Amino acid sequence: MNLARPSSLSLDTEPQAPPTVTPLTESSAEAYVASTCFKIGPPGRVGVELEWFVHDSCRPHTAPDPARVRAALDALHLPPDHPFLPNGSRVTQEPGGQVELSSPAAADLPGCVETTHQDLAALRAAFAAQGLDLAGYGTEPHPKERRVTLRQPRYLAMEEFFGRTGPWGKIMMCATASTQVCLDAGTDTAGPDGFRTRWRLAHLLGPVLVAAFANSPLLDGRPTGYRSTRQAVWARMDPSRTLAPGGVHGCGPDGDPCAAWARYVLDAAVLCVRRPEGRPWNAPVGLTFRAWLRRPEAERPSLADLDYHLSTLFPPVRPRGYLELRMIDAQPGDGWVVPAALTSALFAGPRSVDAALAALEPLAAGASGTAEPGPRGPAWSRAATRGMDDPVLRQAALDCFAAADTVLADRPGEGRLRSALGEFAERYTARGRCPADDLLDGAAPPRTGAGRSADSPPSGNSPKSEEDAPC
């Protein structure tokens, strides 16, 4: 596992392929995936990946001038082949122009928060100097044209692939942003530190994280009827690469999450095929990686192709050596600290893991059997729609916040993090609210001519939007 650079595995990165062209077989491909995606060792490290929309400080409803965005990035003096800030955070752009800051791994939560705060301050200052804000929403709330601004072969192929089945992929690429928490996979034991238990906990916790931190009720300037429109979008995309592996809560029919993930990888559709410069990377329609492996030897993919394929899979929990929890909406301001603190505290040790599993037990019944896994399962759907208004999710969240508070109370030097956690729980969770409710409360009538896009999720609410910020 290389948690020290969690960004190297994120959507916006062109991964470096290993120097091999040896054709694979199905068995060797499954063995490779099973042996590399869960790096075994004592857990403890934590990292975050924070995505932001770039808004004009005076006219947030308009698309920012690309030259100003470029000037802000240039002011950071980041070499293209080494775009790291002084404390080790990597800065990249998403296909729709969102900016991502990915922290290095830290030995503990306070170290992660401090490093990220320092690098984020530098990033914000560079954008503020150009009259730009880094805005934390799960979906772009203002009505703007959705356009893939990074015209790289990967993203052009991704746009074509997702476009075959509707508008949802382009919405994801251009109009969503997340807060992602990265944790060590765990040990090869049966206890709370074991990667099997941590894998199961991450998926059971998912609906609570969606609901508690839902922050995307608006799209195209209008309420959509969801607290987390971002999750509603993910639930409508290609299931072969966005659902959790089937049987995840029991780790698959053979009880092995490594084998279950390996099968998932090979059965996923191929999103793009790397080709020489100038040629499109579009993949043949309907081609899975397993089917590609069954072609004549001269046409089979290499290990490099498999590694690249892994970077195009986006389940709610992605094993990339470590566990990448991808289901949390981007948060306003420094609100990302709270989901990072909650998640890392719940995974901190036997007592907190056991407490979290007990709190989440009422959700487990709907996460097995014939129910679809996240983000389409019943609890996930309720989380996206109702947020903390759902009583079962709210109670589970309150119990999880209490368990995390117990962990932080026993740690010297984490008083501020504990306070942030408690203040959030009091302001939102205990009142059956989430950040999305603040946006809905403050939504203003739509601007003249700001019509609803034809590819927006259905709305059960009256049209709303936000006005310009004062300048």
Protein backbone atom coordinates (compact mmCIF):
# COMPACT_ATOMS: atom_id res chain seq x y z
CA MET A 1 0.00 0.00 0.00
CA ASN A 2 1.16 3.55 -0.70
CA LEU A 3 -1.18 5.65 1.38
CA ALA A 4 1.49 8.32 1.36
CA ARG A 5 0.20 9.38 -2.03
CA PRO A 6 -3.55 8.66 -1.98
CA SER A 7 -3.98 11.03 -4.91
CA SER A 8 -2.06 8.68 -7.17
CA LEU A 9 -5.15 6.51 -7.21
CA SER A 10 -7.82 9.14 -7.70
CA LEU A 11 -10.01 9.82 -10.69
CA ASP A 12 -7.98 12.74 -11.98
CA THR A 13 -4.65 10.96 -12.18
CA GLU A 14 -3.02 9.20 -15.10
CA PRO A 15 -1.48 6.21 -13.26
CA GLN A 16 2.02 5.08 -14.10
CA ALA A 17 1.84 1.59 -15.53
CA PRO A 18 4.41 -1.07 -14.65
CA PRO A 19 6.99 -1.76 -17.38
CA THR A 20 5.55 -5.04 -18.59
CA VAL A 21 3.76 -6.17 -21.72
CA THR A 22 3.35 -9.81 -20.74
CA PRO A 23 -0.17 -10.97 -21.68
CA LEU A 24 -2.31 -11.94 -18.72
CA THR A 25 -4.60 -14.87 -18.07
CA GLU A 26 -7.77 -14.75 -16.00
CA SER A 27 -6.13 -16.60 -13.12
CA SER A 28 -3.00 -14.44 -13.09
CA ALA A 29 -5.07 -11.25 -13.30
CA GLU A 30 -7.29 -12.28 -10.38
CA ALA A 31 -4.24 -13.29 -8.35
CA TYR A 32 -2.58 -9.94 -9.02
CA VAL A 33 -5.65 -7.93 -8.00
CA ALA A 34 -6.25 -10.02 -4.89
CA SER A 35 -2.63 -9.62 -3.77
CA THR A 36 -2.22 -5.88 -4.34
CA CYS A 37 -5.50 -4.15 -3.53
CA PHE A 38 -5.45 -4.98 0.20
CA LYS A 39 -2.00 -4.21 1.62
CA ILE A 40 -1.78 -6.02 4.93
CA GLY A 41 -0.34 -4.36 8.02
CA PRO A 42 -1.19 -2.66 11.33
CA PRO A 43 -3.73 0.12 10.65
CA GLY A 44 -3.34 3.68 11.80
CA ARG A 45 -2.54 6.04 8.95
CA VAL A 46 -5.06 8.45 7.50
CA GLY A 47 -5.27 10.71 4.45
CA VAL A 48 -7.91 12.85 2.76
CA GLU A 49 -8.76 13.88 -0.78
CA LEU A 50 -10.70 17.13 -1.06
CA GLU A 51 -12.43 18.24 -4.26
CA TRP A 52 -13.58 21.83 -4.79
CA PHE A 53 -15.58 23.76 -7.34
CA VAL A 54 -13.88 26.93 -8.55
CA HIS A 55 -16.21 29.96 -8.34
CA ASP A 56 -15.74 33.58 -9.27
CA SER A 57 -15.81 35.40 -5.93
CA CYS A 58 -18.23 38.04 -7.25
CA ARG A 59 -20.22 35.99 -9.76
CA PRO A 60 -20.42 32.39 -8.51
CA HIS A 61 -23.18 31.57 -11.00
CA THR A 62 -20.82 32.09 -13.97
CA ALA A 63 -18.02 29.80 -15.12
CA PRO A 64 -14.61 31.15 -14.04
CA ASP A 65 -12.19 32.43 -16.66
CA PRO A 66 -9.82 29.50 -17.43
CA ALA A 67 -6.91 31.95 -17.64
CA ARG A 68 -7.49 33.01 -14.02
CA VAL A 69 -7.66 29.39 -12.90
CA ARG A 70 -4.41 28.71 -14.75
CA ALA A 71 -2.80 31.77 -13.18
CA ALA A 72 -3.79 30.57 -9.71
CA LEU A 73 -2.24 27.16 -10.32
CA ASP A 74 0.87 28.69 -11.91
CA ALA A 75 1.37 30.86 -8.83
CA LEU A 76 1.91 27.69 -6.79
CA HIS A 77 4.97 26.83 -8.94
CA LEU A 78 4.11 23.14 -9.14
CA PRO A 79 6.10 21.14 -11.73
CA PRO A 80 3.71 19.12 -13.94
CA ASP A 81 5.50 15.89 -13.06
CA HIS A 82 5.59 16.67 -9.31
CA PRO A 83 2.57 18.84 -8.37
CA PHE A 84 3.05 18.74 -4.60
CA LEU A 85 2.69 21.59 -2.11
CA PRO A 86 5.34 22.12 0.63
CA ASN A 87 3.68 19.74 3.11
CA GLY A 88 3.25 16.97 0.56
CA SER A 89 -0.32 17.47 -0.68
CA ARG A 90 -0.87 16.90 -4.38
CA VAL A 91 -2.87 19.39 -6.45
CA THR A 92 -4.72 18.18 -9.55
CA GLN A 93 -7.75 19.06 -11.63
CA GLU A 94 -10.85 16.99 -12.27
CA PRO A 95 -12.29 16.66 -15.79
CA GLY A 96 -14.88 19.40 -15.26
CA GLY A 97 -12.40 21.89 -13.83
CA GLN A 98 -12.80 21.03 -10.14
CA VAL A 99 -9.59 21.28 -8.13
CA GLU A 100 -8.48 18.44 -5.87
CA LEU A 101 -6.06 18.54 -2.96
CA SER A 102 -4.88 15.09 -1.84
CA SER A 103 -2.96 14.92 1.42
CA PRO A 104 0.00 12.68 2.12
CA ALA A 105 -0.55 9.88 4.59
CA ALA A 106 -0.22 10.91 8.21
CA ALA A 107 0.55 8.72 11.18
CA ASP A 108 -2.51 10.04 12.99
CA LEU A 109 -5.54 12.26 12.57
CA PRO A 110 -4.04 15.48 14.03
CA GLY A 111 -1.09 15.18 11.67
CA CYS A 112 -3.39 14.74 8.69
CA VAL A 113 -5.53 17.73 9.66
CA GLU A 114 -2.56 20.02 10.31
CA THR A 115 -0.79 19.15 7.07
CA THR A 116 -3.96 19.52 5.05
CA HIS A 117 -4.86 22.83 6.68
CA GLN A 118 -1.47 24.31 5.81
CA ASP A 119 -1.49 23.19 2.20
CA LEU A 120 -5.14 24.12 1.75
CA ALA A 121 -4.39 27.63 3.03
CA ALA A 122 -1.72 28.02 0.34
CA LEU A 123 -4.10 26.74 -2.33
CA ARG A 124 -6.91 29.05 -1.24
CA ALA A 125 -4.58 32.05 -1.16
CA ALA A 126 -3.43 31.42 -4.72
CA PHE A 127 -7.02 31.29 -5.96
CA ALA A 128 -8.15 34.24 -3.85
CA ALA A 129 -5.43 36.36 -5.47
CA GLN A 130 -7.23 35.75 -8.78
CA GLY A 131 -10.65 36.58 -7.34
CA LEU A 132 -11.63 32.91 -7.13
CA ASP A 133 -13.11 30.82 -4.32
CA LEU A 134 -12.80 27.10 -3.65
CA ALA A 135 -16.43 26.16 -2.98
CA GLY A 136 -17.41 23.02 -1.06
CA TYR A 137 -20.59 21.46 -2.44
CA GLY A 138 -21.39 17.89 -3.43
CA THR A 139 -22.90 19.15 -6.70
CA GLU A 140 -22.47 22.43 -8.53
CA PRO A 141 -25.48 24.41 -7.25
CA HIS A 142 -25.50 27.05 -9.97
CA PRO A 143 -26.88 26.56 -13.48
CA LYS A 144 -23.78 26.21 -15.64
CA GLU A 145 -22.88 24.48 -18.86
CA ARG A 146 -21.40 21.05 -18.22
CA ARG A 147 -18.24 20.68 -20.27
CA VAL A 148 -15.25 18.37 -19.95
CA THR A 149 -12.48 20.96 -19.74
CA LEU A 150 -9.56 18.52 -19.57
CA ARG A 151 -9.41 17.27 -23.15
CA GLN A 152 -7.24 14.27 -22.36
CA PRO A 153 -7.82 10.91 -24.11
CA ARG A 154 -8.85 9.34 -20.81
CA TYR A 155 -11.61 11.84 -20.16
CA LEU A 156 -12.82 11.97 -23.75
CA ALA A 157 -13.21 8.18 -23.66
CA MET A 158 -14.87 8.40 -20.25
CA GLU A 159 -17.35 10.97 -21.54
CA GLU A 160 -18.20 8.73 -24.51
CA PHE A 161 -18.49 5.60 -22.35
CA PHE A 162 -20.83 7.10 -19.77
CA GLY A 163 -22.79 8.95 -22.44
CA ARG A 164 -24.00 5.62 -23.83
CA THR A 165 -26.36 5.18 -20.88
CA GLY A 166 -27.54 8.70 -20.09
CA PRO A 167 -26.38 12.04 -18.70
CA TRP A 168 -25.27 10.81 -15.29
CA GLY A 169 -21.61 10.22 -16.12
CA LYS A 170 -21.14 13.72 -17.46
CA ILE A 171 -22.89 15.16 -14.41
CA MET A 172 -20.48 13.17 -12.24
CA MET A 173 -17.44 14.33 -14.21
CA CYS A 174 -18.37 18.01 -14.42
CA ALA A 175 -20.76 18.82 -11.57
CA THR A 176 -19.85 16.74 -8.49
CA ALA A 177 -17.21 16.99 -5.78
CA SER A 178 -16.39 14.82 -2.78
CA THR A 179 -14.52 14.52 0.47
CA GLN A 180 -12.70 11.18 0.53
CA VAL A 181 -11.13 9.57 3.58
CA CYS A 182 -8.30 7.05 3.13
CA LEU A 183 -7.46 4.47 5.80
CA ASP A 184 -5.13 1.50 6.09
CA ALA A 185 -6.71 -1.78 5.02
CA GLY A 186 -5.73 -3.64 8.20
CA THR A 187 -4.14 -6.88 9.29
CA ASP A 188 -4.76 -10.44 8.10
CA THR A 189 -6.63 -11.37 11.28
CA ALA A 190 -10.24 -12.00 12.21
CA GLY A 191 -10.40 -9.20 14.78
CA PRO A 192 -11.36 -5.52 14.61
CA ASP A 193 -8.00 -4.59 13.07
CA GLY A 194 -8.42 -7.20 10.33
CA PHE A 195 -8.99 -6.01 6.79
CA ARG A 196 -12.14 -8.15 6.44
CA THR A 197 -13.80 -6.42 9.40
CA ARG A 198 -12.65 -2.97 8.27
CA TRP A 199 -13.90 -3.64 4.73
CA ARG A 200 -17.31 -4.64 6.10
CA LEU A 201 -17.44 -1.65 8.47
CA ALA A 202 -16.59 0.79 5.68
CA HIS A 203 -19.57 -0.41 3.64
CA LEU A 204 -22.00 -0.49 6.57
CA LEU A 205 -20.90 3.01 7.56
CA GLY A 206 -21.39 4.33 4.03
CA PRO A 207 -25.11 5.26 4.26
CA VAL A 208 -24.50 7.09 7.54
CA LEU A 209 -21.69 9.12 5.99
CA VAL A 210 -23.88 9.90 2.97
CA ALA A 211 -26.78 11.03 5.17
CA ALA A 212 -24.89 12.90 7.88
CA PHE A 213 -22.76 14.90 5.44
CA ALA A 214 -25.19 15.23 2.53
CA ASN A 215 -24.43 18.58 0.91
CA SER A 216 -25.81 18.45 -2.63
CA PRO A 217 -29.54 19.26 -2.73
CA LEU A 218 -29.20 21.63 -5.71
CA LEU A 219 -28.31 21.11 -9.35
CA ASP A 220 -28.79 23.59 -12.19
CA GLY A 221 -29.89 26.10 -9.57
CA ARG A 222 -32.85 24.02 -8.38
CA PRO A 223 -33.63 21.55 -5.60
CA THR A 224 -33.64 18.00 -6.89
CA GLY A 225 -35.60 16.26 -4.15
CA TYR A 226 -32.42 14.70 -2.73
CA ARG A 227 -30.21 15.73 0.16
CA SER A 228 -27.30 14.10 -1.70
CA THR A 229 -27.90 14.50 -5.41
CA ARG A 230 -24.33 13.36 -5.89
CA GLN A 231 -25.20 9.91 -4.54
CA ALA A 232 -28.35 9.83 -6.68
CA VAL A 233 -26.14 10.42 -9.71
CA TRP A 234 -23.71 7.63 -8.76
CA ALA A 235 -26.65 5.25 -8.27
CA ARG A 236 -27.68 5.78 -11.90
CA MET A 237 -24.30 5.12 -13.49
CA ASP A 238 -22.69 1.96 -14.91
CA PRO A 239 -23.26 -0.60 -12.11
CA SER A 240 -20.27 -2.72 -13.16
CA ARG A 241 -17.91 -0.02 -11.83
CA THR A 242 -19.93 2.03 -9.32
CA LEU A 243 -21.71 -0.54 -7.12
CA ALA A 244 -20.00 -2.22 -4.21
CA PRO A 245 -18.98 -5.81 -4.99
CA GLY A 246 -21.93 -8.18 -4.59
CA GLY A 247 -22.11 -9.88 -1.22
CA VAL A 248 -19.72 -7.30 0.21
CA HIS A 249 -21.12 -7.54 3.72
CA GLY A 250 -20.29 -11.21 3.81
CA CYS A 251 -17.18 -10.68 1.69
CA GLY A 252 -18.61 -12.74 -1.15
CA PRO A 253 -19.66 -16.38 -1.32
CA ASP A 254 -16.21 -17.62 -0.29
CA GLY A 255 -15.83 -15.16 2.60
CA ASP A 256 -12.84 -13.49 0.97
CA PRO A 257 -13.03 -9.77 0.06
CA CYS A 258 -9.84 -10.09 -1.99
CA ALA A 259 -11.39 -12.73 -4.24
CA ALA A 260 -14.69 -10.83 -4.41
CA TRP A 261 -12.90 -7.67 -5.50
CA ALA A 262 -10.82 -9.54 -8.07
CA ARG A 263 -13.98 -10.95 -9.65
CA TYR A 264 -15.55 -7.50 -9.64
CA VAL A 265 -12.54 -6.00 -11.42
CA LEU A 266 -12.52 -8.57 -14.20
CA ASP A 267 -16.29 -8.43 -14.71
CA ALA A 268 -16.35 -4.63 -15.03
CA ALA A 269 -16.71 -3.09 -18.48
CA VAL A 270 -13.56 -1.64 -20.01
CA LEU A 271 -13.88 2.15 -20.01
CA CYS A 272 -10.92 3.03 -22.21
CA VAL A 273 -8.04 1.38 -24.06
CA ARG A 274 -4.76 3.28 -24.20
CA ARG A 275 -3.52 3.81 -27.72
CA PRO A 276 -0.69 5.72 -29.42
CA GLU A 277 -0.87 9.51 -29.39
CA GLY A 278 -3.51 10.91 -31.68
CA ARG A 279 -5.78 7.87 -31.58
CA PRO A 280 -8.95 7.84 -29.45
CA TRP A 281 -9.05 5.64 -26.37
CA ASN A 282 -12.71 4.60 -26.72
CA ALA A 283 -13.33 1.00 -25.66
CA PRO A 284 -15.43 -1.48 -27.66
CA VAL A 285 -19.04 -1.47 -26.49
CA GLY A 286 -19.80 -4.29 -24.05
CA LEU A 287 -16.19 -5.41 -23.56
CA THR A 288 -15.42 -6.54 -20.01
CA PHE A 289 -11.89 -7.02 -18.80
CA ARG A 290 -12.56 -10.74 -18.46
CA ALA A 291 -13.69 -10.92 -22.09
CA TRP A 292 -10.57 -9.02 -23.11
CA LEU A 293 -8.46 -11.63 -21.32
CA ARG A 294 -10.17 -14.39 -23.31
CA ARG A 295 -9.13 -12.98 -26.66
CA PRO A 296 -6.23 -14.50 -28.65
CA GLU A 297 -2.91 -14.03 -26.87
CA ALA A 298 -1.73 -11.28 -29.21
CA GLU A 299 -4.82 -9.21 -28.38
CA ARG A 300 -4.88 -9.75 -24.61
CA PRO A 301 -4.28 -6.91 -22.15
CA SER A 302 -1.04 -6.56 -20.23
CA LEU A 303 -0.48 -5.97 -16.53
CA ALA A 304 -0.18 -2.28 -17.38
CA ASP A 305 -3.66 -2.39 -18.90
CA LEU A 306 -5.01 -4.06 -15.76
CA ASP A 307 -3.51 -1.39 -13.52
CA TYR A 308 -5.06 1.29 -15.68
CA HIS A 309 -8.43 -0.49 -15.63
CA LEU A 310 -8.31 -0.46 -11.83
CA SER A 311 -8.07 3.34 -11.90
CA THR A 312 -11.39 3.54 -13.79
CA LEU A 313 -13.48 1.74 -11.15
CA PHE A 314 -15.43 3.92 -8.71
CA PRO A 315 -17.29 1.89 -6.06
CA PRO A 316 -18.21 3.59 -2.77
CA VAL A 317 -15.22 1.94 -1.06
CA ARG A 318 -12.27 1.41 -3.37
CA PRO A 319 -9.43 -0.87 -2.23
CA ARG A 320 -6.21 0.60 -3.59
CA GLY A 321 -3.89 -1.04 -1.10
CA TYR A 322 -5.64 1.11 1.48
CA LEU A 323 -9.40 1.74 1.76
CA GLU A 324 -10.66 4.84 -0.03
CA LEU A 325 -14.10 5.90 1.24
CA ARG A 326 -15.63 7.82 -1.66
CA MET A 327 -19.25 8.37 -0.63
CA ILE A 328 -18.99 11.69 1.27
CA ASP A 329 -20.14 14.93 -0.37
CA ALA A 330 -17.66 17.81 -0.46
CA GLN A 331 -18.12 19.99 2.63
CA PRO A 332 -18.20 23.78 3.02
CA GLY A 333 -15.13 25.57 4.36
CA ASP A 334 -13.17 23.37 6.73
CA GLY A 335 -16.13 21.07 7.30
CA TRP A 336 -14.11 18.18 5.80
CA VAL A 337 -12.43 17.83 9.20
CA VAL A 338 -15.58 16.34 10.75
CA PRO A 339 -16.08 13.33 8.43
CA ALA A 340 -12.33 12.70 8.57
CA ALA A 341 -12.39 12.75 12.38
CA LEU A 342 -15.54 10.64 12.65
CA THR A 343 -14.34 7.98 10.23
CA SER A 344 -10.79 7.66 11.52
CA ALA A 345 -11.98 7.54 15.14
CA LEU A 346 -14.47 4.76 14.42
CA PHE A 347 -11.71 2.68 12.82
CA ALA A 348 -9.22 3.47 15.59
CA GLY A 349 -9.36 0.26 17.61
CA PRO A 350 -11.37 -2.70 18.91
CA ARG A 351 -13.75 -0.72 21.13
CA SER A 352 -14.67 1.84 18.50
CA VAL A 353 -15.00 -0.75 15.73
CA ASP A 354 -17.27 -2.89 17.90
CA ALA A 355 -19.34 0.15 18.90
CA ALA A 356 -19.69 1.23 15.27
CA LEU A 357 -20.73 -2.24 14.13
CA ALA A 358 -23.34 -2.36 16.89
CA ALA A 359 -24.66 1.07 15.91
CA LEU A 360 -24.90 0.04 12.28
CA GLU A 361 -26.51 -3.34 12.89
CA PRO A 362 -30.04 -2.03 12.08
CA LEU A 363 -28.74 -1.14 8.61
CA ALA A 364 -27.09 -4.51 8.03
CA ALA A 365 -30.36 -6.40 7.46
CA GLY A 366 -31.00 -4.38 4.32
CA ALA A 367 -27.43 -4.76 3.11
CA SER A 368 -27.46 -8.48 2.46
CA GLY A 369 -29.60 -11.08 0.78
CA THR A 370 -31.31 -9.79 -2.33
CA ALA A 371 -30.80 -6.09 -1.59
CA GLU A 372 -28.53 -4.26 -3.99
CA PRO A 373 -25.26 -2.97 -2.54
CA GLY A 374 -24.34 0.70 -2.28
CA PRO A 375 -25.06 3.13 -3.69
CA ARG A 376 -28.35 1.45 -4.77
CA GLY A 377 -29.23 -0.40 -1.56
CA PRO A 378 -32.23 0.65 0.55
CA ALA A 379 -30.24 2.43 3.26
CA TRP A 380 -28.11 4.23 0.66
CA SER A 381 -31.21 5.39 -1.19
CA ARG A 382 -32.83 6.70 1.99
CA ALA A 383 -29.59 8.43 2.91
CA ALA A 384 -29.42 10.23 -0.43
CA THR A 385 -33.08 11.24 -0.30
CA ARG A 386 -33.76 12.04 3.34
CA GLY A 387 -30.38 12.58 4.96
CA MET A 388 -30.68 12.76 8.73
CA ASP A 389 -34.46 13.04 8.47
CA ASP A 390 -34.51 9.23 8.34
CA PRO A 391 -34.90 8.06 11.97
CA VAL A 392 -32.95 4.80 11.61
CA LEU A 393 -30.02 6.52 9.94
CA ARG A 394 -30.16 9.37 12.45
CA GLN A 395 -29.96 7.02 15.44
CA ALA A 396 -27.10 5.08 13.86
CA ALA A 397 -25.29 8.35 13.19
CA LEU A 398 -25.79 9.60 16.75
CA ASP A 399 -24.40 6.33 18.11
CA CYS A 400 -21.41 6.59 15.76
CA PHE A 401 -20.73 10.19 16.80
CA ALA A 402 -20.88 9.09 20.45
CA ALA A 403 -18.42 6.26 19.82
CA ALA A 404 -16.05 8.63 18.01
CA ASP A 405 -16.32 11.15 20.84
CA THR A 406 -15.22 8.47 23.30
CA VAL A 407 -12.12 7.79 21.21
CA LEU A 408 -11.17 11.46 20.86
CA ALA A 409 -11.79 12.12 24.57
CA ASP A 410 -9.06 9.61 25.44
CA ARG A 411 -6.50 11.23 23.12
CA PRO A 412 -4.43 14.14 24.40
CA GLY A 413 -4.12 16.99 21.95
CA GLU A 414 -7.31 16.22 20.03
CA GLY A 415 -9.61 18.55 21.94
CA ARG A 416 -10.28 20.81 18.96
CA LEU A 417 -11.18 17.87 16.77
CA ARG A 418 -13.50 16.55 19.45
CA SER A 419 -15.14 19.96 19.73
CA ALA A 420 -15.65 20.16 15.97
CA LEU A 421 -17.24 16.71 16.01
CA GLY A 422 -19.53 17.61 18.91
CA GLU A 423 -20.57 20.95 17.45
CA PHE A 424 -21.48 19.32 14.14
CA ALA A 425 -23.51 16.59 15.86
CA GLU A 426 -25.38 19.16 17.95
CA ARG A 427 -26.05 21.51 15.03
CA TYR A 428 -27.05 18.88 12.51
CA THR A 429 -27.31 15.21 13.50
CA ALA A 430 -29.20 15.59 16.78
CA ARG A 431 -31.70 17.86 15.02
CA GLY A 432 -32.25 15.54 12.08
CA ARG A 433 -30.40 17.89 9.74
CA CYS A 434 -27.40 17.82 7.42
CA PRO A 435 -25.52 20.57 5.54
CA ALA A 436 -27.92 20.16 2.61
CA ASP A 437 -30.72 21.54 4.77
CA ASP A 438 -28.81 24.81 5.19
CA LEU A 439 -28.65 25.15 1.41
CA LEU A 440 -32.35 24.40 1.06
CA ASP A 441 -33.22 26.90 3.80
CA GLY A 442 -31.18 29.60 2.07
CA ALA A 443 -32.18 28.85 -1.51
CA ALA A 444 -33.45 31.92 -3.35
CA PRO A 445 -35.75 32.23 -6.38
CA PRO A 446 -34.03 31.31 -9.64
CA ARG A 447 -32.33 33.92 -11.75
CA THR A 448 -34.23 35.02 -14.86
CA GLY A 449 -33.66 32.56 -17.67
CA ALA A 450 -32.02 29.94 -15.43
CA GLY A 451 -33.97 26.97 -16.76
CA ARG A 452 -33.65 23.41 -15.59
CA SER A 453 -31.29 21.26 -17.64
CA ALA A 454 -32.89 18.37 -19.48
CA ASP A 455 -30.41 15.95 -17.96
CA SER A 456 -30.95 16.91 -14.32
CA PRO A 457 -32.37 14.44 -11.79
CA PRO A 458 -36.12 14.83 -11.30
CA SER A 459 -37.18 17.39 -8.75
CA GLY A 460 -40.14 17.24 -6.44
CA ASN A 461 -39.61 20.81 -5.27
CA SER A 462 -40.19 24.32 -6.56
CA PRO A 463 -37.33 25.93 -8.54
CA LYS A 464 -34.64 27.55 -6.45
CA SER A 465 -31.16 28.99 -6.93
CA GLU A 466 -28.60 31.14 -5.18
CA GLU A 467 -27.97 34.82 -5.85
CA ASP A 468 -24.58 36.36 -6.53
CA ALA A 469 -22.30 36.81 -3.58
CA PRO A 470 -21.75 40.46 -2.54
CA CYS A 471 -18.49 41.89 -3.83
